[in-house]
Amino acid sequence: MKKTMHLIYTATTETTGGRENGVARSMDGVLDIRLSDPASSGIGTNPEQLMAAGWSASFASSLLQVAREAGLNLSANVRIHAEVDLSSNDGAFVIGVRLVVQLPGLERAVASILIEEARRICPFSRATRGNVEVSFKIV
């Protein structure tokens, strides 16, 4: 049986230049940032920082959703520490991700189950599955 997909939102940005002294802007004007290479002393952010912020926010929302569906109330202090690595592998650039998850007040076993379910539904986790090495740690 074919499922019907319903569009919820489209983010639209335009970037001039690249990670070295580029500028990225959203079409609604909310996002307007300078870009810089992570190895430079530039004043802008970089794609890896943006990915870390986006993925951690998306994963936190996914955790809240699976907790609600399980009848659990998560603390307002849910915290996701995200690290996105940019590496070179035989001349090709690759990324790796580490997410450190704090779920105050939950037993480790319950937290593990929620994390696995969130991994299943998180759009960033789904989009990168099999393409990006990702590790999770519960603290």
Protein backbone atom coordinates (compact mmCIF):
# COMPACT_ATOMS: atom_id res chain seq x y z
CA MET A 1 0.00 0.00 0.00
CA LYS A 2 1.39 3.40 -0.99
CA LYS A 3 1.54 6.08 1.71
CA THR A 4 0.73 9.68 0.92
CA MET A 5 3.36 12.24 1.84
CA HIS A 6 2.17 15.63 3.09
CA LEU A 7 4.54 18.57 2.90
CA ILE A 8 4.80 20.33 6.25
CA TYR A 9 7.42 23.00 5.61
CA THR A 10 10.07 24.07 3.13
CA ALA A 11 13.13 25.99 4.31
CA THR A 12 14.52 28.19 1.57
CA THR A 13 17.95 29.77 1.74
CA GLU A 14 20.39 31.31 -0.64
CA THR A 15 24.13 31.21 -0.13
CA THR A 16 26.60 33.44 -1.87
CA GLY A 17 30.15 32.16 -1.80
CA GLY A 18 30.94 29.14 0.32
CA ARG A 19 32.36 28.31 3.69
CA GLU A 20 35.16 30.82 3.12
CA ASN A 21 33.66 34.30 3.58
CA GLY A 22 30.24 33.35 2.25
CA VAL A 23 26.84 34.60 3.34
CA ALA A 24 23.69 32.53 3.85
CA ARG A 25 20.23 34.03 4.10
CA SER A 26 16.78 32.57 4.43
CA MET A 27 14.17 33.93 2.09
CA ASP A 28 12.02 35.07 5.05
CA GLY A 29 14.97 37.08 6.46
CA VAL A 30 15.09 35.22 9.79
CA LEU A 31 18.48 33.65 9.05
CA ASP A 32 21.24 35.99 7.88
CA ILE A 33 24.72 34.73 8.68
CA ARG A 34 28.30 35.02 7.61
CA LEU A 35 30.18 31.84 6.84
CA SER A 36 33.81 31.05 7.45
CA ASP A 37 36.09 28.07 7.17
CA PRO A 38 36.38 26.20 10.50
CA ALA A 39 40.17 26.33 10.26
CA SER A 40 40.22 30.11 9.86
CA SER A 41 39.83 32.95 12.31
CA GLY A 42 36.84 34.24 10.36
CA ILE A 43 33.90 35.72 12.23
CA GLY A 44 31.20 33.54 10.69
CA THR A 45 29.80 30.12 11.43
CA ASN A 46 30.40 27.05 9.30
CA PRO A 47 28.26 24.29 7.82
CA GLU A 48 29.32 21.81 10.52
CA GLN A 49 28.09 24.11 13.30
CA LEU A 50 24.83 24.61 11.46
CA MET A 51 24.41 20.86 11.06
CA ALA A 52 25.15 20.30 14.76
CA ALA A 53 22.53 22.87 15.75
CA GLY A 54 19.93 21.57 13.32
CA TRP A 55 20.44 17.90 14.14
CA SER A 56 20.45 18.42 17.91
CA ALA A 57 17.25 20.50 17.76
CA SER A 58 15.55 17.94 15.53
CA PHE A 59 16.67 15.06 17.72
CA ALA A 60 15.45 16.79 20.90
CA SER A 61 12.04 17.27 19.27
CA SER A 62 12.01 13.61 18.22
CA LEU A 63 12.80 12.56 21.80
CA LEU A 64 9.95 14.68 23.11
CA GLN A 65 7.58 13.13 20.57
CA VAL A 66 8.45 9.52 21.39
CA ALA A 67 8.29 10.28 25.12
CA ARG A 68 4.80 11.77 24.71
CA GLU A 69 3.69 8.73 22.71
CA ALA A 70 5.01 6.50 25.50
CA GLY A 71 3.13 8.52 28.13
CA LEU A 72 6.30 9.99 29.63
CA ASN A 73 6.89 13.60 30.60
CA LEU A 74 10.46 14.65 29.91
CA SER A 75 12.15 17.32 31.95
CA ALA A 76 12.42 20.75 30.39
CA ASN A 77 16.17 20.27 30.86
CA VAL A 78 16.59 17.75 28.03
CA ARG A 79 19.96 18.58 26.52
CA ILE A 80 21.65 17.39 23.34
CA HIS A 81 25.35 18.11 22.95
CA ALA A 82 26.21 17.65 19.27
CA GLU A 83 29.64 17.35 17.71
CA VAL A 84 30.03 17.24 13.93
CA ASP A 85 33.45 16.27 12.61
CA LEU A 86 34.76 17.20 9.19
CA SER A 87 37.41 14.70 8.12
CA SER A 88 39.33 13.82 5.00
CA ASN A 89 39.28 10.22 3.80
CA ASP A 90 41.65 9.65 0.88
CA GLY A 91 41.01 13.17 -0.38
CA ALA A 92 37.22 13.07 0.04
CA PHE A 93 35.56 15.02 2.82
CA VAL A 94 33.29 13.11 5.20
CA ILE A 95 31.38 14.03 8.33
CA GLY A 96 30.87 12.14 11.55
CA VAL A 97 28.44 12.96 14.36
CA ARG A 98 28.41 12.38 18.10
CA LEU A 99 25.30 13.18 20.12
CA VAL A 100 25.53 13.26 23.90
CA VAL A 101 22.05 13.07 25.39
CA GLN A 102 20.98 14.22 28.85
CA LEU A 103 17.53 13.07 29.95
CA PRO A 104 17.30 14.10 33.62
CA GLY A 105 15.13 11.94 35.80
CA LEU A 106 15.00 8.93 33.45
CA GLU A 107 16.54 5.55 34.08
CA ARG A 108 19.31 4.69 31.62
CA ALA A 109 17.35 1.75 30.17
CA VAL A 110 14.31 3.95 29.46
CA ALA A 111 16.54 6.67 28.00
CA SER A 112 18.13 4.09 25.67
CA ILE A 113 14.74 3.00 24.38
CA LEU A 114 13.67 6.60 23.77
CA ILE A 115 16.91 7.36 21.93
CA GLU A 116 16.49 4.34 19.65
CA GLU A 117 12.93 5.37 18.84
CA ALA A 118 14.00 8.98 18.26
CA ARG A 119 16.74 7.75 15.90
CA ARG A 120 14.06 5.96 13.92
CA ILE A 121 11.90 9.08 13.41
CA CYS A 122 14.35 12.02 13.49
CA PRO A 123 14.54 13.50 9.97
CA PHE A 124 18.31 14.15 10.26
CA SER A 125 18.96 10.61 11.48
CA ARG A 126 16.83 9.16 8.70
CA ALA A 127 18.41 11.32 5.99
CA THR A 128 21.95 10.34 6.94
CA ARG A 129 21.37 6.68 7.88
CA GLY A 130 24.06 4.55 6.27
CA ASN A 131 25.97 7.61 5.03
CA VAL A 132 27.28 9.21 8.22
CA GLU A 133 28.89 7.55 11.21
CA VAL A 134 26.84 8.54 14.25
CA SER A 135 27.36 7.66 17.90
CA PHE A 136 25.13 8.33 20.89
CA LYS A 137 26.08 8.63 24.53
CA ILE A 138 23.75 8.98 27.50
CA VAL A 139 24.96 11.11 30.41
